[in-house]
N, C-alpha and C. Protein backbone atom coordinates (compact mmCIF):
# COMPACT_ATOMS: atom_id res chain seq x y z
N ALA A 1 14.65 -82.95 -177.29
CA ALA A 1 13.76 -83.83 -178.08
C ALA A 1 12.68 -83.07 -178.72
N ARG A 2 12.03 -82.11 -177.93
CA ARG A 2 11.04 -81.23 -178.58
C ARG A 2 11.63 -80.28 -179.62
N ALA A 3 12.75 -79.87 -179.44
CA ALA A 3 13.52 -79.02 -180.58
C ALA A 3 13.75 -79.82 -181.82
N ILE A 4 14.07 -81.06 -181.70
CA ILE A 4 14.29 -81.91 -182.88
C ILE A 4 12.95 -82.17 -183.48
N ARG A 5 11.83 -82.45 -182.67
CA ARG A 5 10.48 -82.63 -183.18
C ARG A 5 9.98 -81.36 -184.02
N ARG A 6 10.32 -80.20 -183.45
CA ARG A 6 10.02 -78.94 -184.20
C ARG A 6 10.54 -78.73 -185.52
N MET A 7 11.94 -79.05 -185.55
CA MET A 7 12.80 -78.87 -186.70
C MET A 7 12.43 -79.90 -187.72
N ARG A 8 12.07 -81.00 -187.33
CA ARG A 8 11.85 -82.09 -188.44
C ARG A 8 10.48 -82.83 -187.91
N PRO A 9 9.40 -82.40 -188.08
CA PRO A 9 8.15 -83.19 -187.51
C PRO A 9 7.82 -84.33 -188.25
N GLU A 10 8.43 -84.42 -189.48
CA GLU A 10 8.11 -85.67 -190.26
C GLU A 10 9.16 -86.86 -189.75
N LEU A 11 10.17 -86.49 -188.92
CA LEU A 11 11.14 -87.53 -188.65
C LEU A 11 10.76 -88.56 -187.60
N PRO A 12 10.79 -89.78 -187.80
CA PRO A 12 10.51 -90.73 -186.72
C PRO A 12 11.42 -90.61 -185.56
N LEU A 13 11.01 -90.31 -184.57
CA LEU A 13 11.83 -89.69 -183.37
C LEU A 13 11.67 -90.69 -182.11
N PHE A 14 12.70 -91.26 -181.66
CA PHE A 14 12.82 -92.13 -180.48
C PHE A 14 13.79 -91.40 -179.36
N ALA A 15 13.21 -90.62 -178.53
CA ALA A 15 14.11 -89.83 -177.72
C ALA A 15 14.02 -90.31 -176.24
N GLU A 16 15.26 -90.48 -175.80
CA GLU A 16 15.33 -90.99 -174.30
C GLU A 16 15.94 -89.83 -173.51
N THR A 17 15.21 -89.33 -172.53
CA THR A 17 15.64 -88.13 -171.73
C THR A 17 15.90 -88.61 -170.43
N GLY A 18 15.60 -87.93 -169.42
CA GLY A 18 15.83 -88.43 -167.91
C GLY A 18 14.84 -89.56 -167.37
N GLY A 19 15.13 -90.02 -166.37
CA GLY A 19 14.36 -91.00 -165.70
C GLY A 19 14.34 -90.95 -164.20
N LYS A 20 13.18 -91.15 -163.65
CA LYS A 20 13.10 -91.50 -162.10
C LYS A 20 12.29 -92.61 -162.13
N ASN A 21 12.69 -93.82 -162.20
CA ASN A 21 12.02 -94.91 -162.65
C ASN A 21 11.68 -95.72 -161.41
N ALA A 22 10.47 -96.22 -161.33
CA ALA A 22 9.92 -97.02 -160.25
C ALA A 22 9.61 -98.50 -160.49
N MET A 23 9.94 -99.35 -159.43
CA MET A 23 9.61 -100.59 -159.49
C MET A 23 8.64 -100.81 -158.35
N TYR A 24 7.49 -101.39 -158.80
CA TYR A 24 6.45 -101.71 -157.77
C TYR A 24 6.35 -103.13 -157.41
N VAL A 25 6.37 -103.46 -156.07
CA VAL A 25 6.44 -104.83 -155.65
C VAL A 25 5.20 -105.03 -154.90
N SER A 26 4.22 -105.93 -155.39
CA SER A 26 2.95 -106.18 -154.86
C SER A 26 3.23 -107.23 -153.66
N ALA A 27 2.34 -107.27 -152.80
CA ALA A 27 2.29 -108.42 -151.93
C ALA A 27 2.10 -109.86 -152.43
N LEU A 28 1.63 -109.84 -153.77
CA LEU A 28 1.56 -111.12 -154.61
C LEU A 28 2.68 -111.40 -155.54
N ALA A 29 3.87 -110.69 -155.09
CA ALA A 29 5.08 -110.94 -155.94
C ALA A 29 5.90 -112.01 -155.47
N ASP A 30 6.74 -112.51 -156.37
CA ASP A 30 7.86 -113.40 -156.04
C ASP A 30 8.98 -112.47 -155.58
N ARG A 31 9.18 -112.44 -154.26
CA ARG A 31 9.83 -111.34 -153.56
C ARG A 31 11.28 -111.49 -153.85
N ASP A 32 11.80 -112.71 -153.85
CA ASP A 32 13.16 -112.96 -154.19
C ASP A 32 13.54 -112.57 -155.66
N LEU A 33 12.53 -112.81 -156.53
CA LEU A 33 12.78 -112.51 -158.01
C LEU A 33 12.80 -111.02 -157.99
N ALA A 34 11.91 -110.23 -157.06
CA ALA A 34 11.89 -108.72 -157.22
C ALA A 34 13.20 -108.17 -156.62
N ILE A 35 13.81 -108.81 -155.74
CA ILE A 35 15.01 -108.33 -155.13
C ILE A 35 16.09 -108.40 -156.28
N ARG A 36 16.02 -109.62 -156.89
CA ARG A 36 17.23 -109.77 -157.93
C ARG A 36 17.06 -108.87 -159.09
N ASP A 37 15.91 -108.46 -159.57
CA ASP A 37 15.78 -107.44 -160.55
C ASP A 37 16.00 -105.99 -160.17
N THR A 38 15.46 -105.80 -158.77
CA THR A 38 15.83 -104.43 -158.25
C THR A 38 17.27 -104.23 -158.22
N ILE A 39 18.14 -105.09 -157.73
CA ILE A 39 19.49 -104.90 -157.47
C ILE A 39 20.18 -104.78 -158.90
N ALA A 40 19.78 -105.49 -159.77
CA ALA A 40 20.44 -105.37 -161.13
C ALA A 40 20.08 -104.07 -161.87
N SER A 41 18.85 -103.62 -161.74
CA SER A 41 18.25 -102.36 -162.36
C SER A 41 18.82 -101.17 -161.61
N ALA A 42 18.96 -101.25 -160.27
CA ALA A 42 19.28 -100.02 -159.59
C ALA A 42 20.70 -99.90 -159.62
N PHE A 43 21.51 -100.90 -159.41
CA PHE A 43 22.97 -100.81 -159.24
C PHE A 43 23.96 -101.27 -160.32
N GLY A 44 23.30 -101.83 -161.37
CA GLY A 44 24.13 -102.03 -162.55
C GLY A 44 24.69 -100.63 -163.19
N HIS A 45 25.93 -100.80 -163.70
CA HIS A 45 26.64 -99.45 -164.12
C HIS A 45 26.51 -98.37 -163.12
N ALA A 46 26.67 -98.88 -161.85
CA ALA A 46 26.52 -97.95 -160.56
C ALA A 46 25.46 -96.98 -160.69
N GLY A 47 24.17 -97.46 -161.32
CA GLY A 47 23.15 -96.64 -161.28
C GLY A 47 23.24 -95.64 -162.39
N GLN A 48 24.13 -95.46 -163.14
CA GLN A 48 24.38 -94.35 -164.20
C GLN A 48 23.64 -94.82 -165.48
N LYS A 49 22.41 -95.11 -165.47
CA LYS A 49 21.63 -95.36 -166.62
C LYS A 49 20.18 -94.59 -166.47
N CYS A 50 19.78 -93.93 -167.54
CA CYS A 50 18.54 -93.31 -167.41
C CYS A 50 17.45 -94.24 -167.15
N SER A 51 17.67 -95.40 -167.35
CA SER A 51 16.41 -96.37 -167.14
C SER A 51 16.65 -97.05 -165.73
N ALA A 52 17.67 -96.73 -165.05
CA ALA A 52 17.73 -97.41 -163.76
C ALA A 52 16.76 -97.33 -162.80
N THR A 53 16.45 -98.41 -162.02
CA THR A 53 15.38 -98.33 -160.92
C THR A 53 15.92 -97.34 -159.93
N SER A 54 15.19 -96.35 -159.45
CA SER A 54 15.52 -95.31 -158.68
C SER A 54 14.52 -95.41 -157.32
N LEU A 55 13.37 -95.75 -157.68
CA LEU A 55 12.36 -95.90 -156.51
C LEU A 55 11.69 -97.28 -156.44
N LEU A 56 11.95 -97.85 -155.37
CA LEU A 56 11.29 -99.09 -155.02
C LEU A 56 10.09 -99.02 -154.17
N VAL A 57 8.78 -99.03 -154.96
CA VAL A 57 7.67 -98.81 -154.24
C VAL A 57 7.02 -100.09 -153.87
N CYS A 58 6.89 -100.26 -152.54
CA CYS A 58 6.48 -101.56 -152.07
C CYS A 58 5.04 -101.41 -151.40
N GLU A 59 4.18 -102.52 -151.60
CA GLU A 59 2.98 -102.48 -150.92
C GLU A 59 3.29 -102.74 -149.39
N ARG A 60 2.53 -102.03 -148.59
CA ARG A 60 2.89 -101.98 -147.29
C ARG A 60 3.30 -103.37 -146.66
N GLU A 61 2.64 -104.44 -147.00
CA GLU A 61 3.05 -105.83 -146.39
C GLU A 61 4.62 -106.07 -146.87
N VAL A 62 4.86 -105.85 -147.95
CA VAL A 62 6.33 -105.99 -148.40
C VAL A 62 7.15 -105.11 -147.82
N TYR A 63 6.85 -103.73 -147.75
CA TYR A 63 7.71 -102.67 -147.29
C TYR A 63 8.07 -103.18 -145.63
N GLU A 64 7.10 -103.60 -144.95
CA GLU A 64 7.19 -103.95 -143.56
C GLU A 64 7.87 -105.27 -143.28
N ASP A 65 8.14 -106.09 -144.30
CA ASP A 65 8.60 -107.51 -144.20
C ASP A 65 10.17 -107.25 -143.76
N ARG A 66 10.42 -107.63 -142.50
CA ARG A 66 11.88 -107.58 -142.22
C ARG A 66 12.78 -108.37 -143.03
N GLY A 67 12.34 -109.50 -143.32
CA GLY A 67 13.12 -110.37 -144.04
C GLY A 67 13.37 -110.14 -145.47
N PHE A 68 12.35 -109.32 -146.16
CA PHE A 68 12.42 -108.75 -147.45
C PHE A 68 13.63 -107.57 -147.51
N ARG A 69 13.51 -106.77 -146.36
CA ARG A 69 14.46 -105.69 -146.18
C ARG A 69 15.84 -106.14 -145.94
N GLU A 70 15.98 -107.29 -145.21
CA GLU A 70 17.34 -107.72 -144.97
C GLU A 70 17.96 -108.36 -146.18
N ARG A 71 17.04 -109.12 -146.85
CA ARG A 71 17.61 -109.77 -147.94
C ARG A 71 18.10 -108.78 -149.29
N LEU A 72 17.24 -107.70 -149.30
CA LEU A 72 17.56 -106.54 -150.15
C LEU A 72 18.81 -106.03 -149.97
N ALA A 73 19.10 -105.65 -148.59
CA ALA A 73 20.14 -104.99 -148.14
C ALA A 73 21.57 -105.78 -148.44
N ASP A 74 21.29 -107.07 -148.02
CA ASP A 74 22.37 -108.07 -148.08
C ASP A 74 22.75 -108.33 -149.63
N ALA A 75 21.84 -108.25 -150.43
CA ALA A 75 22.30 -108.37 -151.91
C ALA A 75 22.88 -107.31 -152.40
N ALA A 76 22.46 -106.04 -151.92
CA ALA A 76 23.23 -104.90 -152.42
C ALA A 76 24.70 -104.83 -151.91
N ALA A 77 24.73 -105.18 -150.54
CA ALA A 77 26.02 -104.92 -149.90
C ALA A 77 27.10 -105.98 -150.31
N SER A 78 26.48 -107.11 -151.04
CA SER A 78 27.35 -108.17 -151.50
C SER A 78 27.97 -107.90 -152.89
N LEU A 79 27.49 -106.74 -153.53
CA LEU A 79 28.03 -106.47 -154.83
C LEU A 79 29.41 -106.05 -154.68
N PRO A 80 30.33 -106.70 -155.50
CA PRO A 80 31.78 -106.33 -155.55
C PRO A 80 31.94 -104.81 -155.98
N VAL A 81 32.65 -104.01 -155.18
CA VAL A 81 33.07 -102.66 -155.50
C VAL A 81 34.42 -102.51 -155.67
N GLY A 82 34.77 -101.88 -156.81
CA GLY A 82 36.09 -101.58 -157.06
C GLY A 82 36.52 -101.08 -158.38
N SER A 83 37.78 -101.30 -159.07
CA SER A 83 38.20 -100.84 -160.13
C SER A 83 37.40 -101.35 -161.40
N ALA A 84 37.30 -100.62 -162.42
CA ALA A 84 36.66 -101.01 -163.64
C ALA A 84 37.51 -101.99 -164.35
N TRP A 85 38.88 -102.07 -164.03
CA TRP A 85 39.62 -102.91 -164.73
C TRP A 85 39.47 -104.39 -164.29
N ASP A 86 38.93 -104.58 -163.03
CA ASP A 86 38.73 -105.91 -162.60
C ASP A 86 37.23 -106.45 -162.99
N PRO A 87 37.15 -107.37 -163.84
CA PRO A 87 35.81 -107.77 -164.34
C PRO A 87 34.87 -108.28 -163.33
N LYS A 88 35.28 -108.62 -162.07
CA LYS A 88 34.52 -109.22 -161.07
C LYS A 88 33.62 -108.11 -160.45
N ASN A 89 34.20 -106.88 -160.48
CA ASN A 89 33.45 -105.83 -159.81
C ASN A 89 32.15 -105.43 -160.48
N MET A 90 30.92 -105.27 -159.70
CA MET A 90 29.70 -104.90 -160.22
C MET A 90 29.58 -103.30 -160.01
N ILE A 91 30.10 -102.86 -158.97
CA ILE A 91 30.12 -101.36 -158.81
C ILE A 91 31.43 -100.76 -159.04
N THR A 92 31.56 -99.96 -160.17
CA THR A 92 32.83 -99.47 -160.47
C THR A 92 32.71 -97.90 -160.49
N PRO A 93 33.78 -97.11 -160.69
CA PRO A 93 33.69 -95.69 -160.40
C PRO A 93 32.77 -94.92 -161.22
N LEU A 94 32.24 -93.83 -160.68
CA LEU A 94 31.16 -92.98 -161.40
C LEU A 94 32.01 -92.23 -162.43
N ILE A 95 31.31 -91.60 -163.38
CA ILE A 95 31.99 -90.83 -164.32
C ILE A 95 32.70 -89.69 -163.78
N GLU A 96 32.19 -89.22 -162.61
CA GLU A 96 32.92 -88.20 -161.77
C GLU A 96 32.55 -88.30 -160.31
N PRO A 97 33.42 -87.62 -159.42
CA PRO A 97 32.91 -87.70 -158.05
C PRO A 97 31.52 -87.16 -157.82
N PRO A 98 30.73 -87.63 -157.01
CA PRO A 98 29.47 -86.95 -156.70
C PRO A 98 29.44 -85.61 -156.51
N ARG A 99 28.27 -85.14 -157.10
CA ARG A 99 28.21 -83.59 -156.85
C ARG A 99 26.62 -83.40 -157.09
N GLY A 100 26.20 -82.11 -156.78
CA GLY A 100 24.95 -81.74 -157.15
C GLY A 100 23.88 -82.63 -156.34
N ALA A 101 22.80 -83.12 -157.08
CA ALA A 101 21.80 -83.97 -156.46
C ALA A 101 22.29 -85.18 -155.96
N LEU A 102 23.20 -85.87 -156.64
CA LEU A 102 23.75 -87.02 -156.23
C LEU A 102 24.56 -87.03 -154.82
N ALA A 103 25.38 -86.00 -154.74
CA ALA A 103 25.99 -85.87 -153.44
C ALA A 103 25.08 -85.42 -152.39
N ARG A 104 23.97 -84.64 -152.58
CA ARG A 104 23.02 -84.32 -151.59
C ARG A 104 22.21 -85.81 -151.14
N ALA A 105 21.82 -86.71 -152.07
CA ALA A 105 21.34 -87.84 -151.72
C ALA A 105 22.19 -88.88 -150.76
N LEU A 106 23.50 -88.68 -151.28
CA LEU A 106 24.46 -89.62 -150.60
C LEU A 106 24.77 -89.18 -149.21
N ASP A 107 24.70 -87.80 -149.01
CA ASP A 107 25.28 -87.17 -147.70
C ASP A 107 24.26 -86.76 -146.79
N THR A 108 23.02 -86.56 -147.23
CA THR A 108 21.96 -85.94 -146.54
C THR A 108 20.60 -86.87 -146.46
N LEU A 109 20.06 -87.08 -145.24
CA LEU A 109 18.79 -87.73 -144.97
C LEU A 109 17.72 -86.51 -144.95
N GLU A 110 16.63 -86.68 -145.80
CA GLU A 110 15.48 -85.98 -145.50
C GLU A 110 14.70 -86.16 -144.42
N PRO A 111 13.89 -85.34 -143.92
CA PRO A 111 12.91 -85.83 -142.78
C PRO A 111 12.16 -87.04 -143.06
N SER A 112 12.20 -87.92 -142.07
CA SER A 112 11.60 -89.26 -142.12
C SER A 112 12.47 -90.39 -142.72
N GLU A 113 13.61 -90.04 -143.52
CA GLU A 113 14.45 -90.99 -144.15
C GLU A 113 15.48 -91.60 -143.25
N SER A 114 16.00 -92.83 -143.50
CA SER A 114 17.09 -93.39 -142.85
C SER A 114 17.66 -94.31 -143.89
N PHE A 115 18.91 -94.77 -143.53
CA PHE A 115 19.56 -95.66 -144.42
C PHE A 115 19.46 -97.18 -144.03
N LEU A 116 18.77 -97.87 -144.99
CA LEU A 116 18.75 -99.32 -144.86
C LEU A 116 20.06 -99.79 -145.00
N LEU A 117 20.74 -99.33 -146.12
CA LEU A 117 22.26 -99.41 -146.48
C LEU A 117 22.85 -98.13 -146.79
N ALA A 118 23.77 -97.83 -145.83
CA ALA A 118 24.56 -96.45 -146.02
C ALA A 118 25.70 -96.64 -147.07
N PRO A 119 25.88 -95.68 -147.73
CA PRO A 119 26.93 -95.66 -148.74
C PRO A 119 28.18 -95.34 -148.16
N SER A 120 29.29 -95.88 -148.73
CA SER A 120 30.75 -95.52 -148.35
C SER A 120 31.51 -95.07 -149.63
N ARG A 121 32.52 -94.21 -149.38
CA ARG A 121 33.38 -93.79 -150.37
C ARG A 121 34.79 -94.31 -150.36
N ASP A 122 35.34 -94.76 -151.43
CA ASP A 122 36.77 -95.06 -151.29
C ASP A 122 37.64 -93.98 -151.02
N VAL A 123 38.49 -94.11 -150.15
CA VAL A 123 39.43 -92.98 -149.69
C VAL A 123 40.53 -92.61 -150.82
N SER A 124 40.69 -93.73 -151.55
CA SER A 124 41.69 -93.45 -152.68
C SER A 124 41.04 -92.98 -154.16
N ASN A 125 39.79 -93.13 -154.11
CA ASN A 125 39.05 -92.78 -155.42
C ASN A 125 37.69 -92.11 -155.15
N PRO A 126 37.55 -90.92 -155.01
CA PRO A 126 36.42 -90.20 -154.73
C PRO A 126 35.19 -90.41 -155.65
N ALA A 127 35.49 -91.10 -156.74
CA ALA A 127 34.44 -91.46 -157.64
C ALA A 127 33.89 -92.83 -157.48
N LEU A 128 34.41 -93.36 -156.42
CA LEU A 128 33.94 -94.92 -156.07
C LEU A 128 33.13 -94.89 -154.94
N VAL A 129 31.91 -95.20 -155.16
CA VAL A 129 30.81 -95.16 -153.99
C VAL A 129 30.05 -96.50 -154.02
N SER A 130 29.79 -97.06 -152.85
CA SER A 130 29.05 -98.31 -152.71
C SER A 130 27.57 -97.95 -152.67
N PRO A 131 26.79 -99.03 -152.94
CA PRO A 131 25.26 -98.84 -152.95
C PRO A 131 24.70 -98.06 -151.66
N ALA A 132 23.67 -97.45 -151.86
CA ALA A 132 22.94 -96.86 -150.73
C ALA A 132 21.44 -97.20 -150.99
N ILE A 133 20.69 -97.56 -149.90
CA ILE A 133 19.36 -97.70 -149.98
C ILE A 133 18.66 -96.89 -148.78
N LYS A 134 17.64 -96.19 -149.14
CA LYS A 134 16.93 -95.22 -148.13
C LYS A 134 15.54 -95.72 -147.92
N LEU A 135 15.21 -95.71 -146.65
CA LEU A 135 14.03 -95.94 -146.17
C LEU A 135 13.15 -94.67 -145.83
N GLY A 136 11.85 -94.71 -145.78
CA GLY A 136 11.09 -93.56 -145.31
C GLY A 136 10.94 -92.46 -146.32
N VAL A 137 11.17 -92.80 -147.58
CA VAL A 137 11.16 -91.56 -148.41
C VAL A 137 9.63 -91.14 -148.75
N ARG A 138 9.32 -89.92 -148.48
CA ARG A 138 8.10 -89.45 -148.55
C ARG A 138 7.60 -88.90 -150.05
N GLU A 139 6.37 -89.02 -150.34
CA GLU A 139 5.89 -88.48 -151.67
C GLU A 139 6.10 -86.97 -151.60
N GLY A 140 6.61 -86.49 -152.87
CA GLY A 140 6.98 -85.09 -153.06
C GLY A 140 8.21 -84.65 -152.54
N SER A 141 9.04 -85.54 -151.92
CA SER A 141 10.24 -85.09 -151.29
C SER A 141 11.38 -84.98 -152.44
N PHE A 142 12.47 -84.42 -152.07
CA PHE A 142 13.64 -84.26 -153.06
C PHE A 142 13.98 -85.74 -153.62
N THR A 143 14.03 -86.82 -152.65
CA THR A 143 14.58 -88.10 -153.08
C THR A 143 13.53 -88.63 -154.15
N HIS A 144 12.26 -88.30 -153.81
CA HIS A 144 11.17 -88.93 -154.74
C HIS A 144 11.22 -88.30 -156.07
N GLN A 145 11.46 -86.98 -156.15
CA GLN A 145 11.25 -86.22 -157.30
C GLN A 145 12.49 -85.99 -158.20
N THR A 146 13.68 -86.25 -157.69
CA THR A 146 14.93 -85.80 -158.38
C THR A 146 15.60 -86.97 -158.98
N GLU A 147 15.87 -86.91 -160.16
CA GLU A 147 16.83 -87.84 -160.84
C GLU A 147 18.27 -87.86 -160.30
N LEU A 148 18.82 -88.93 -159.67
CA LEU A 148 20.12 -88.91 -159.02
C LEU A 148 21.28 -89.33 -159.93
N PHE A 149 20.95 -90.28 -160.81
CA PHE A 149 21.97 -90.87 -161.60
C PHE A 149 23.29 -91.39 -161.01
N GLY A 150 22.86 -92.33 -160.10
CA GLY A 150 24.01 -92.93 -159.16
C GLY A 150 23.31 -94.09 -158.38
N PRO A 151 24.18 -94.71 -157.59
CA PRO A 151 23.86 -95.99 -156.98
C PRO A 151 23.11 -95.67 -155.64
N VAL A 152 21.83 -95.07 -155.80
CA VAL A 152 20.96 -94.68 -154.62
C VAL A 152 19.65 -95.23 -154.98
N LEU A 153 19.03 -96.09 -154.03
CA LEU A 153 17.71 -96.75 -154.18
C LEU A 153 16.83 -96.07 -152.97
N ALA A 154 15.61 -95.50 -153.42
CA ALA A 154 14.77 -95.11 -152.47
C ALA A 154 13.62 -95.89 -152.17
N MET A 155 13.49 -96.56 -151.10
CA MET A 155 12.15 -97.22 -150.86
C MET A 155 11.01 -96.41 -150.27
N MET A 156 9.87 -96.73 -151.00
CA MET A 156 8.56 -95.94 -150.57
C MET A 156 7.49 -96.98 -150.26
N CYS A 157 6.55 -96.65 -149.40
CA CYS A 157 5.51 -97.43 -148.99
C CYS A 157 4.22 -97.03 -149.57
N ALA A 158 3.57 -98.10 -150.26
CA ALA A 158 2.20 -97.87 -150.92
C ALA A 158 1.19 -98.53 -150.26
N ASP A 159 -0.06 -98.05 -150.01
CA ASP A 159 -1.23 -98.74 -149.31
C ASP A 159 -1.81 -99.58 -150.15
N SER A 160 -1.71 -99.37 -151.50
CA SER A 160 -2.47 -100.12 -152.48
C SER A 160 -1.71 -100.13 -153.87
N LEU A 161 -2.20 -100.87 -154.81
CA LEU A 161 -1.71 -100.76 -156.13
C LEU A 161 -1.90 -99.37 -156.71
N ASP A 162 -3.23 -98.99 -156.39
CA ASP A 162 -3.51 -97.55 -156.97
C ASP A 162 -2.60 -96.44 -156.24
N HIS A 163 -2.30 -96.56 -155.10
CA HIS A 163 -1.44 -95.59 -154.44
C HIS A 163 -0.08 -95.72 -155.05
N GLY A 164 0.37 -97.07 -155.40
CA GLY A 164 1.72 -97.30 -155.97
C GLY A 164 1.91 -96.55 -157.30
N ILE A 165 0.84 -96.70 -158.17
CA ILE A 165 0.77 -96.10 -159.51
C ILE A 165 0.89 -94.59 -159.21
N ALA A 166 0.00 -94.10 -158.47
CA ALA A 166 0.21 -92.62 -158.17
C ALA A 166 1.56 -92.19 -157.72
N ILE A 167 2.25 -92.86 -156.96
CA ILE A 167 3.54 -92.60 -156.54
C ILE A 167 4.52 -92.58 -157.72
N ALA A 168 4.40 -93.57 -158.56
CA ALA A 168 5.19 -93.72 -159.80
C ALA A 168 4.93 -92.73 -160.75
N ASN A 169 3.72 -92.34 -160.93
CA ASN A 169 3.30 -91.36 -161.92
C ASN A 169 3.38 -89.85 -161.58
N GLY A 170 3.81 -89.76 -159.99
CA GLY A 170 3.83 -88.41 -159.40
C GLY A 170 5.15 -87.70 -159.61
N THR A 171 6.08 -88.10 -160.66
CA THR A 171 7.21 -87.37 -160.84
C THR A 171 7.16 -86.69 -162.34
N SER A 172 8.19 -85.94 -162.65
CA SER A 172 8.07 -85.28 -164.04
C SER A 172 8.76 -86.17 -165.19
N TYR A 173 9.10 -87.38 -164.62
CA TYR A 173 9.77 -88.26 -165.63
C TYR A 173 8.85 -89.50 -165.86
N GLY A 174 8.88 -90.22 -167.02
CA GLY A 174 8.10 -91.25 -167.37
C GLY A 174 8.88 -92.26 -168.27
N LEU A 175 10.20 -92.33 -168.11
CA LEU A 175 11.04 -93.27 -168.79
C LEU A 175 10.68 -94.77 -168.87
N THR A 176 11.00 -95.40 -167.66
CA THR A 176 10.64 -96.84 -167.54
C THR A 176 9.96 -96.90 -166.19
N GLY A 177 9.42 -98.29 -166.12
CA GLY A 177 8.76 -98.68 -164.92
C GLY A 177 8.58 -100.14 -165.04
N ALA A 178 8.42 -100.72 -163.75
CA ALA A 178 8.17 -102.24 -163.68
C ALA A 178 7.23 -102.55 -162.45
N ILE A 179 6.64 -103.68 -162.75
CA ILE A 179 5.79 -104.18 -161.52
C ILE A 179 6.20 -105.66 -161.34
N HIS A 180 6.29 -106.01 -160.13
CA HIS A 180 6.45 -107.42 -159.81
C HIS A 180 5.21 -107.88 -159.15
N THR A 181 4.40 -108.79 -159.73
CA THR A 181 3.13 -109.45 -159.11
C THR A 181 2.97 -110.74 -159.89
N LEU A 182 2.46 -111.65 -159.24
CA LEU A 182 2.05 -112.85 -159.89
C LEU A 182 0.51 -112.96 -160.19
N ASP A 183 -0.10 -111.82 -159.88
CA ASP A 183 -1.62 -111.63 -160.18
C ASP A 183 -1.78 -110.98 -161.42
N HIS A 184 -2.49 -111.74 -162.43
CA HIS A 184 -2.60 -111.06 -163.68
C HIS A 184 -3.51 -109.96 -163.64
N ARG A 185 -4.47 -109.86 -162.61
CA ARG A 185 -5.37 -108.54 -162.64
C ARG A 185 -4.43 -107.39 -162.16
N GLU A 186 -3.59 -107.55 -161.36
CA GLU A 186 -2.82 -106.38 -161.04
C GLU A 186 -1.79 -106.02 -162.28
N GLN A 187 -1.32 -106.92 -162.95
CA GLN A 187 -0.53 -106.59 -164.14
C GLN A 187 -1.31 -106.01 -165.03
N THR A 188 -2.57 -106.20 -165.38
CA THR A 188 -3.40 -105.59 -166.27
C THR A 188 -3.78 -104.30 -165.91
N LYS A 189 -4.05 -103.96 -164.64
CA LYS A 189 -4.51 -102.65 -164.02
C LYS A 189 -3.31 -101.63 -164.07
N TRP A 190 -1.96 -102.23 -163.66
CA TRP A 190 -0.79 -101.50 -163.72
C TRP A 190 -0.45 -101.04 -165.14
N LEU A 191 -0.46 -101.87 -166.15
CA LEU A 191 -0.05 -101.70 -167.51
C LEU A 191 -1.01 -100.69 -168.05
N ALA A 192 -2.25 -100.58 -167.69
CA ALA A 192 -3.27 -99.59 -168.13
C ALA A 192 -2.89 -98.35 -167.72
N ALA A 193 -2.52 -98.10 -166.50
CA ALA A 193 -2.53 -97.01 -165.76
C ALA A 193 -1.01 -96.11 -165.65
N ILE A 194 -0.03 -96.96 -165.87
CA ILE A 194 1.33 -96.45 -165.79
C ILE A 194 1.69 -95.55 -166.77
N ASP A 195 2.41 -94.62 -166.57
CA ASP A 195 2.72 -93.48 -167.52
C ASP A 195 4.18 -93.51 -167.85
N VAL A 196 4.59 -94.55 -168.66
CA VAL A 196 6.13 -94.67 -168.92
C VAL A 196 6.19 -95.10 -170.33
N GLY A 197 7.42 -94.78 -170.81
CA GLY A 197 7.84 -95.23 -172.20
C GLY A 197 7.90 -96.84 -172.36
N ASN A 198 8.58 -97.36 -171.36
CA ASN A 198 8.93 -98.70 -171.31
C ASN A 198 8.37 -99.40 -170.09
N ALA A 199 7.52 -100.38 -170.16
CA ALA A 199 6.74 -100.86 -169.11
C ALA A 199 7.16 -102.50 -169.00
N TYR A 200 7.52 -102.82 -167.87
CA TYR A 200 8.06 -104.11 -167.74
C TYR A 200 7.21 -104.85 -166.56
N VAL A 201 7.07 -106.12 -166.89
CA VAL A 201 6.32 -107.05 -165.91
C VAL A 201 7.11 -108.21 -165.44
N ASN A 202 7.34 -108.22 -164.13
CA ASN A 202 8.17 -109.20 -163.50
C ASN A 202 9.58 -109.25 -164.07
N ARG A 203 10.08 -108.22 -164.21
CA ARG A 203 11.66 -107.98 -164.83
C ARG A 203 12.10 -106.61 -164.37
N GLY A 204 13.29 -106.20 -164.56
CA GLY A 204 13.94 -105.09 -164.14
C GLY A 204 13.38 -103.81 -165.07
N THR A 205 13.94 -102.68 -164.95
CA THR A 205 13.74 -101.57 -165.73
C THR A 205 14.63 -101.28 -166.69
N THR A 206 15.69 -102.09 -166.93
CA THR A 206 16.80 -101.57 -167.85
C THR A 206 16.80 -102.89 -168.88
N GLY A 207 17.46 -102.49 -170.07
CA GLY A 207 17.66 -103.44 -171.05
C GLY A 207 16.70 -103.40 -172.02
N ALA A 208 16.24 -102.27 -172.48
CA ALA A 208 15.25 -102.01 -173.49
C ALA A 208 15.82 -102.18 -174.83
N ILE A 209 15.02 -102.64 -175.70
CA ILE A 209 15.46 -102.79 -177.11
C ILE A 209 14.33 -101.78 -177.83
N VAL A 210 14.88 -100.96 -178.75
CA VAL A 210 14.04 -99.89 -179.19
C VAL A 210 12.89 -100.66 -180.18
N ARG A 211 11.67 -100.20 -179.96
CA ARG A 211 10.48 -100.69 -180.68
C ARG A 211 10.10 -101.99 -180.38
N ARG A 212 10.63 -102.57 -179.29
CA ARG A 212 10.22 -104.05 -179.03
C ARG A 212 9.55 -103.93 -177.60
């Protein structure tokens, strides 16, 4: 993108590069709506979208809500996994078997991490992987900082909205981001501080239309 800008500085350029996109869920959110949008954004196209939700940053009350976790895991586990030729399947094969960062994220737990929902691989198709959700992801860790481009969602705990914004802004990526809160003050504060190209309020992080 920078090279194109240098070659043609007068060219109106809209460049989409990588993403490590965060969904922030406030204690004042509609939690079921947040789960719906998180699942669609994290696992649509098996997570192979630059705009996919990769980090689910929850205010501590939400993060520690056992019911929220159970519903989130159940929603992800209920997604049909299988062949792309069957239109009922939501999770279809990756463009290639997991390797590099994605393989590490699927196969390895960093210190403090655990699986809320562990992934599984189809024995007949190494590119077919079920959704994974990680708990206990720490700031600055591999899982926090690395674009994975696959069906892996990392949950992180924030002590406040300011802390959540810092977690979301604390990566080298700023493609998309979302907040789920019914409090207009929180919406206004988040929109002013979040460093992303596309910012969404009470919806998912995917489905952008250029210049809208």
